[in-house]
Amino acid sequence: MIKWTKIDKKNLPEETVLAANFKPFTYGYTEKVIGYIHIENDVIICENGHEVLEGCTHYVKVNEFDVKE
């Protein structure tokens, strides 16, 4: 099971993450994006050059999971 980490605006991850918005009744609720997290105008954003997800609430460090055959 994946353990999601709540995003702390004062301690953003610097590596690639899978970010999600788990705040009910908001735009993008339950959507997920792989990318980098940053803050613009007090909004937490994850983007990767092709997609943008605003209002991110949680993340998982994707490099902690390897594909095994």
N, C-alpha and C. Protein backbone atom coordinates (compact mmCIF):
# COMPACT_ATOMS: atom_id res chain seq x y z
N MET A 1 0.84 -1.18 0.00
CA MET A 1 0.00 0.00 0.00
C MET A 1 0.89 1.25 0.00
N ILE A 2 0.51 2.23 -0.75
CA ILE A 2 1.26 3.49 -0.83
C ILE A 2 0.84 4.39 0.32
N LYS A 3 1.84 4.95 1.00
CA LYS A 3 1.58 5.89 2.09
C LYS A 3 1.79 7.31 1.56
N TRP A 4 0.72 8.08 1.48
CA TRP A 4 0.78 9.45 1.01
C TRP A 4 1.28 10.36 2.11
N THR A 5 2.10 11.35 1.74
CA THR A 5 2.61 12.34 2.68
C THR A 5 1.89 13.66 2.43
N LYS A 6 1.36 14.24 3.50
CA LYS A 6 0.70 15.55 3.38
C LYS A 6 1.75 16.60 3.04
N ILE A 7 1.43 17.49 2.12
CA ILE A 7 2.38 18.51 1.67
C ILE A 7 2.51 19.60 2.73
N ASP A 8 3.76 19.89 3.09
CA ASP A 8 4.10 20.96 4.02
C ASP A 8 4.70 22.09 3.18
N LYS A 9 4.03 23.22 3.12
CA LYS A 9 4.50 24.34 2.29
C LYS A 9 5.90 24.81 2.66
N LYS A 10 6.32 24.57 3.90
CA LYS A 10 7.64 25.02 4.34
C LYS A 10 8.72 23.97 4.09
N ASN A 11 8.33 22.79 3.61
CA ASN A 11 9.29 21.72 3.39
C ASN A 11 8.89 20.90 2.15
N LEU A 12 8.93 21.54 0.98
CA LEU A 12 8.53 20.88 -0.26
C LEU A 12 9.59 19.88 -0.71
N PRO A 13 9.18 18.74 -1.26
CA PRO A 13 10.14 17.79 -1.79
C PRO A 13 10.82 18.36 -3.02
N GLU A 14 12.09 18.04 -3.21
CA GLU A 14 12.84 18.56 -4.35
C GLU A 14 12.93 17.56 -5.49
N GLU A 15 12.55 16.31 -5.23
CA GLU A 15 12.65 15.28 -6.26
C GLU A 15 11.29 15.08 -6.96
N THR A 16 11.30 14.21 -7.97
CA THR A 16 10.08 13.88 -8.70
C THR A 16 9.11 13.16 -7.77
N VAL A 17 7.84 13.58 -7.82
CA VAL A 17 6.82 12.98 -6.96
C VAL A 17 5.57 12.65 -7.77
N LEU A 18 4.76 11.80 -7.20
CA LEU A 18 3.38 11.62 -7.66
C LEU A 18 2.55 12.45 -6.70
N ALA A 19 1.94 13.51 -7.20
CA ALA A 19 1.17 14.42 -6.35
C ALA A 19 -0.32 14.24 -6.64
N ALA A 20 -1.12 14.52 -5.62
CA ALA A 20 -2.57 14.37 -5.76
C ALA A 20 -3.29 15.46 -4.98
N ASN A 21 -4.53 15.69 -5.37
CA ASN A 21 -5.41 16.60 -4.65
C ASN A 21 -6.47 15.74 -3.98
N PHE A 22 -6.41 15.62 -2.66
CA PHE A 22 -7.38 14.84 -1.92
C PHE A 22 -8.34 15.72 -1.11
N LYS A 23 -8.52 16.97 -1.55
CA LYS A 23 -9.44 17.86 -0.85
C LYS A 23 -10.81 17.79 -1.56
N PRO A 24 -11.82 17.20 -0.90
CA PRO A 24 -13.14 17.04 -1.52
C PRO A 24 -13.75 18.36 -1.99
N PHE A 25 -14.54 18.25 -3.03
CA PHE A 25 -15.29 19.38 -3.59
C PHE A 25 -14.41 20.48 -4.18
N THR A 26 -13.19 20.13 -4.61
CA THR A 26 -12.31 21.10 -5.26
C THR A 26 -12.01 20.63 -6.67
N TYR A 27 -11.61 21.57 -7.53
CA TYR A 27 -11.24 21.22 -8.90
C TYR A 27 -10.03 20.30 -8.87
N GLY A 28 -10.10 19.19 -9.58
CA GLY A 28 -8.99 18.25 -9.64
C GLY A 28 -8.99 17.23 -8.52
N TYR A 29 -10.09 17.16 -7.76
CA TYR A 29 -10.18 16.20 -6.64
C TYR A 29 -9.91 14.79 -7.13
N THR A 30 -9.02 14.10 -6.49
CA THR A 30 -8.54 12.73 -6.76
C THR A 30 -7.65 12.62 -8.00
N GLU A 31 -7.37 13.71 -8.69
CA GLU A 31 -6.43 13.66 -9.82
C GLU A 31 -5.01 13.53 -9.31
N LYS A 32 -4.17 12.92 -10.16
CA LYS A 32 -2.76 12.71 -9.80
C LYS A 32 -1.86 13.08 -10.97
N VAL A 33 -0.66 13.60 -10.66
CA VAL A 33 0.32 14.00 -11.68
C VAL A 33 1.71 13.67 -11.16
N ILE A 34 2.55 13.16 -12.05
CA ILE A 34 3.97 12.96 -11.73
C ILE A 34 4.71 14.20 -12.17
N GLY A 35 5.49 14.79 -11.27
CA GLY A 35 6.23 16.00 -11.62
C GLY A 35 6.94 16.58 -10.41
N TYR A 36 7.11 17.89 -10.45
CA TYR A 36 7.80 18.62 -9.39
C TYR A 36 6.83 19.58 -8.73
N ILE A 37 6.89 19.69 -7.41
CA ILE A 37 5.99 20.55 -6.65
C ILE A 37 6.63 21.92 -6.42
N HIS A 38 5.82 22.95 -6.58
CA HIS A 38 6.24 24.31 -6.24
C HIS A 38 5.00 25.11 -5.86
N ILE A 39 5.21 26.32 -5.39
CA ILE A 39 4.10 27.18 -4.96
C ILE A 39 4.07 28.44 -5.82
N GLU A 40 2.87 28.77 -6.32
CA GLU A 40 2.63 30.02 -7.05
C GLU A 40 1.40 30.68 -6.45
N ASN A 41 1.53 31.92 -6.04
CA ASN A 41 0.41 32.67 -5.47
C ASN A 41 -0.29 31.88 -4.35
N ASP A 42 0.50 31.25 -3.50
CA ASP A 42 0.03 30.49 -2.34
C ASP A 42 -0.75 29.23 -2.72
N VAL A 43 -0.62 28.78 -3.99
CA VAL A 43 -1.26 27.55 -4.45
C VAL A 43 -0.18 26.51 -4.69
N ILE A 44 -0.37 25.30 -4.16
CA ILE A 44 0.59 24.22 -4.35
C ILE A 44 0.32 23.57 -5.70
N ILE A 45 1.36 23.52 -6.54
CA ILE A 45 1.23 23.04 -7.92
C ILE A 45 2.24 21.94 -8.17
N CYS A 46 1.82 20.92 -8.93
CA CYS A 46 2.73 19.90 -9.43
C CYS A 46 2.65 19.95 -10.95
N GLU A 47 3.82 20.04 -11.60
CA GLU A 47 3.81 20.06 -13.06
C GLU A 47 5.01 19.33 -13.61
N ASN A 48 4.89 18.95 -14.89
CA ASN A 48 5.93 18.15 -15.51
C ASN A 48 6.26 18.56 -16.94
N GLY A 49 5.76 19.66 -17.41
CA GLY A 49 6.02 20.10 -18.78
C GLY A 49 4.87 19.79 -19.72
N HIS A 50 4.00 18.87 -19.33
CA HIS A 50 2.83 18.51 -20.14
C HIS A 50 1.52 18.68 -19.38
N GLU A 51 1.60 18.53 -18.06
CA GLU A 51 0.41 18.59 -17.22
C GLU A 51 0.67 19.46 -16.01
N VAL A 52 -0.42 20.05 -15.50
CA VAL A 52 -0.34 20.88 -14.29
C VAL A 52 -1.51 20.48 -13.40
N LEU A 53 -1.22 20.26 -12.12
CA LEU A 53 -2.28 20.01 -11.14
C LEU A 53 -2.13 21.03 -10.03
N GLU A 54 -3.16 21.85 -9.86
CA GLU A 54 -3.17 22.86 -8.81
C GLU A 54 -3.91 22.32 -7.59
N GLY A 55 -3.59 22.86 -6.44
CA GLY A 55 -4.27 22.49 -5.21
C GLY A 55 -3.84 21.14 -4.67
N CYS A 56 -2.61 20.76 -4.94
CA CYS A 56 -2.11 19.46 -4.46
C CYS A 56 -2.10 19.45 -2.94
N THR A 57 -2.44 18.29 -2.37
CA THR A 57 -2.48 18.16 -0.92
C THR A 57 -1.52 17.10 -0.39
N HIS A 58 -1.19 16.09 -1.23
CA HIS A 58 -0.35 14.97 -0.79
C HIS A 58 0.60 14.55 -1.91
N TYR A 59 1.65 13.82 -1.52
CA TYR A 59 2.59 13.31 -2.51
C TYR A 59 3.21 12.00 -2.07
N VAL A 60 3.81 11.32 -3.05
CA VAL A 60 4.60 10.11 -2.84
C VAL A 60 5.88 10.29 -3.64
N LYS A 61 7.02 9.99 -3.05
CA LYS A 61 8.29 10.07 -3.77
C LYS A 61 8.37 8.87 -4.72
N VAL A 62 8.30 9.12 -6.03
CA VAL A 62 8.23 8.01 -7.00
C VAL A 62 9.51 7.20 -7.07
N ASN A 63 10.65 7.79 -6.76
CA ASN A 63 11.91 7.05 -6.86
C ASN A 63 12.09 6.03 -5.74
N GLU A 64 11.20 6.03 -4.76
CA GLU A 64 11.28 5.03 -3.70
C GLU A 64 10.66 3.70 -4.12
N PHE A 65 10.01 3.68 -5.27
CA PHE A 65 9.34 2.48 -5.75
C PHE A 65 9.98 2.03 -7.06
N ASP A 66 10.48 0.82 -7.09
CA ASP A 66 11.07 0.26 -8.29
C ASP A 66 10.16 -0.82 -8.85
N VAL A 67 10.19 -0.95 -10.17
CA VAL A 67 9.44 -2.00 -10.81
C VAL A 67 10.24 -3.30 -10.69
N LYS A 68 9.59 -4.34 -10.23
CA LYS A 68 10.26 -5.64 -10.09
C LYS A 68 9.55 -6.64 -10.98
N GLU A 69 10.34 -7.47 -11.60
CA GLU A 69 9.76 -8.51 -12.47
C GLU A 69 9.58 -9.78 -11.72
